[in-house]
Each structure stands twice: as structure tokens, then as C-alpha cells.
Protein backbone atom coordinates (compact mmCIF):
# COMPACT_ATOMS: atom_id res chain seq x y z
CA MET A 1 184.54 -113.11 101.26
CA ARG A 2 187.65 -113.64 102.73
CA GLY A 3 189.48 -110.49 103.71
CA ALA A 4 186.19 -108.21 103.41
CA HIS A 5 185.05 -106.32 106.11
CA ILE A 6 181.30 -105.98 106.55
CA GLU A 7 179.65 -103.00 108.06
CA ALA A 8 176.58 -102.75 109.96
CA VAL A 9 173.59 -100.55 108.41
CA ALA A 10 170.55 -99.30 110.35
CA VAL A 11 167.58 -97.94 108.15
CA LEU A 12 165.40 -95.40 110.00
CA SER A 13 162.75 -93.38 109.08
CA THR A 14 163.44 -89.64 108.26
CA ALA A 15 160.58 -89.05 110.71
CA HIS A 16 162.94 -88.96 113.03
CA LEU A 17 164.65 -86.14 112.32
CA PRO A 18 163.05 -82.46 112.37
CA GLN A 19 163.57 -80.70 109.14
CA HIS A 20 166.10 -78.06 110.34
CA GLU A 21 168.50 -80.75 111.27
CA ALA A 22 167.75 -83.24 108.26
CA ARG A 23 168.85 -80.01 105.76
CA THR A 24 171.39 -79.01 107.98
CA ILE A 25 173.11 -82.82 107.74
CA GLU A 26 172.64 -82.41 104.01
CA ALA A 27 174.48 -79.28 103.83
CA LEU A 28 177.21 -81.03 105.75
CA ILE A 29 177.70 -83.89 103.55
CA ASN A 30 177.65 -81.30 100.51
CA GLU A 31 180.43 -79.69 102.13
CA ASN A 32 182.15 -82.62 102.72
CA VAL A 33 181.98 -81.94 106.53
CA LEU A 34 180.45 -85.79 107.26
CA ILE A 35 181.02 -88.61 105.26
CA GLY A 36 177.66 -89.33 103.56
CA MET A 37 175.73 -89.43 100.85
CA LYS A 38 172.62 -87.66 100.09
CA ARG A 39 169.47 -90.11 98.11
CA ASN A 40 166.07 -88.76 96.91
CA GLU A 41 164.41 -89.30 99.86
CA GLY A 42 166.94 -89.26 102.73
CA PHE A 43 170.73 -89.51 103.34
CA MET A 44 173.09 -91.91 104.52
CA LEU A 45 175.73 -91.30 107.37
CA PHE A 46 178.96 -92.91 108.63
CA ASN A 47 178.42 -93.35 112.12
CA ARG A 48 181.64 -92.46 113.56
CA GLN A 49 182.08 -88.91 113.10
CA THR A 50 180.54 -87.25 116.39
CA ASN A 51 183.58 -85.18 116.40
CA GLN A 52 182.90 -83.20 113.26
CA LEU A 53 179.12 -82.45 114.39
CA GLU A 54 180.42 -80.98 118.31
CA ASP A 55 179.69 -77.24 116.68
CA TYR A 56 176.01 -77.89 115.28
CA SER A 57 172.83 -78.32 117.05
CA LEU A 58 171.60 -81.64 115.89
CA ASP A 59 170.28 -83.11 119.28
CA ASN A 60 168.32 -85.59 117.39
CA LEU A 61 170.84 -86.86 115.48
CA HIS A 62 173.50 -87.34 118.30
CA PHE A 63 170.88 -89.42 120.35
CA LEU A 64 170.52 -91.56 116.97
CA LEU A 65 174.12 -91.76 116.45
CA ASN A 66 174.88 -92.96 120.24
CA LEU A 67 172.06 -95.30 120.19
CA ALA A 68 173.59 -97.01 116.39
CA GLN A 69 176.99 -96.82 118.57
CA HIS A 70 175.54 -98.60 121.16
CA GLU A 71 174.43 -101.24 118.92
CA SER A 72 177.60 -101.22 116.87
CA VAL A 73 175.82 -100.02 113.68
CA ASP A 74 178.28 -98.38 111.44
CA TRP A 75 176.15 -96.56 109.37
CA LEU A 76 172.61 -94.91 109.56
CA MET A 77 170.36 -94.72 106.25
CA PHE A 78 167.39 -92.38 106.68
CA ASP A 79 164.89 -93.10 104.36
CA ARG A 80 161.06 -91.77 103.79
CA ASP A 81 159.69 -95.03 103.71
CA GLY A 82 162.39 -96.57 107.05
CA PRO A 83 160.79 -97.97 109.53
CA GLU A 84 159.88 -95.93 112.89
CA LEU A 85 161.66 -96.99 116.30
CA PRO A 86 158.69 -96.75 118.51
CA ALA A 87 161.06 -95.49 121.56
CA VAL A 88 162.07 -92.67 119.49
CA LYS A 89 160.27 -89.31 119.16
CA THR A 90 159.30 -88.56 115.36
CA TRP A 91 158.40 -85.31 113.56
CA GLN A 92 155.82 -84.46 110.83
CA PRO A 93 157.36 -82.90 107.60
CA TYR A 94 157.61 -79.03 107.78
CA CYS A 95 157.00 -79.41 111.44
CA SER A 96 158.43 -78.42 114.49
CA GLU A 97 156.59 -79.79 117.10
CA PRO A 98 157.79 -83.95 117.70
CA ILE A 99 155.10 -86.41 117.73
CA THR A 100 155.93 -89.07 120.54
CA ASN A 101 154.53 -92.52 120.63
CA ALA A 102 152.94 -91.81 123.80
CA LYS A 103 150.45 -89.11 122.35
CA LEU A 104 150.02 -90.95 119.10
CA PHE A 105 148.48 -94.50 121.33
CA SER A 106 147.66 -93.07 124.62
CA GLY A 107 143.63 -92.78 124.34
CA TRP A 108 143.88 -92.51 120.81
CA LYS A 109 141.26 -94.52 118.62
């Protein structure tokens, strides 16, 4: 398409965010603080809005946004069935303790 602007989207598992961060992000989308949209099993966020997040304790989201910016990704879609990045910690639903891949794969059979 001539003149069309194409933006990159990365799809990640919602397991990369602890539940309290996911709930905060959804609330910020509802309040129009963040550009994004809620979905049935996750949400989608525009990646160029880190200034709006400075007042919130969203360490895992900040890490993922920085990673996405480094890779020139414009949008992050968090989906329950999205892929998990092996090098990034994950969280079980309704759990505050992270599951690291080191825990999962070191000596577990």
C-alpha cells in the first residue's frame, strides 16, 4: 500500500505480568491514561507512552516496554495464549511469586 504506515506488533503471554500490574494497566486503559484496548483475555498497548507510566509501580511492564522499544515494536499485545519469552520471568495467575525459567528447567524432569 502506498503511503500506508505499518506498525510492528509483538504478542506476549499475559503470564509476563503479575496480576496487580495487569489490573492497573486495564484501569489505566479504561481511564484513557494509556493508549490501548482491552480484550477478552488480555490487552493491547501502544509502546510510545512511557512518560504516562512514571507514577505507577509497573516494573515488569517497564521492562517489557523497553525491550519492545529496543526491537522497534510499536504495540504490545498481551494474550493468555501468547508466547512466553524464555529469558523473561513469568507469573502464575493469582500468584505474586514469579516463576523463572531457571526454576522450571534446572533439575526438573
